[in-house]
Structure formats: C-alpha cells, structure tokens
Amino acid sequence: MAMLKTIKVTCTGAAHHVNEIDLDKLLKPVIVTRSATPPQIQEVPARSVLHCQFCPEGKVVITRAMVEDATA
C-alpha cells in the first residue's frame, strides 16, 4: 500500500526554491515478521538533509515534526 504523500519544503539556497519531497522515497519500508522477540521499532530520523532539486548550493532540511504532521 503506497502512501503517495508529498510535502513541500524550501531550500536554504539564495533563491529558496520549493522542493516537493516524496515521503515514500524518504522513509524506508519496515518489514515486520512473526517471532518470539518483538521487532525493533524504526523511528523517523530527527532530521534529514537532502540536496535541492534546482540549485547546487541549497539544502532541504526535513524534520521529524514535518513528517509526522504530513502523515497524521
């Protein structure tokens, strides 16, 4: 089942480009299996930094709060 959720985040470059970030590509899938011991819960990283899609100097910072707000 795909989430198909995107969020818009501005880059830190001079032009402040708006980047659309696909959460399916950002978050890694978690595989759950049946076992005697409970699986380790994978947390959303506190902060992810990606390159801007439009300029070489810009970075796109995605925080845990942004992802949680988008998936709620």
Foldseek 3Di string as FASTA:
>chain_A
DAPQFWDWFFWPDPVRDIDIHGVPVVDDDDDADDDPDGDDDDADDQWDWDADPPDRPIITIDGSVNVVVRVD
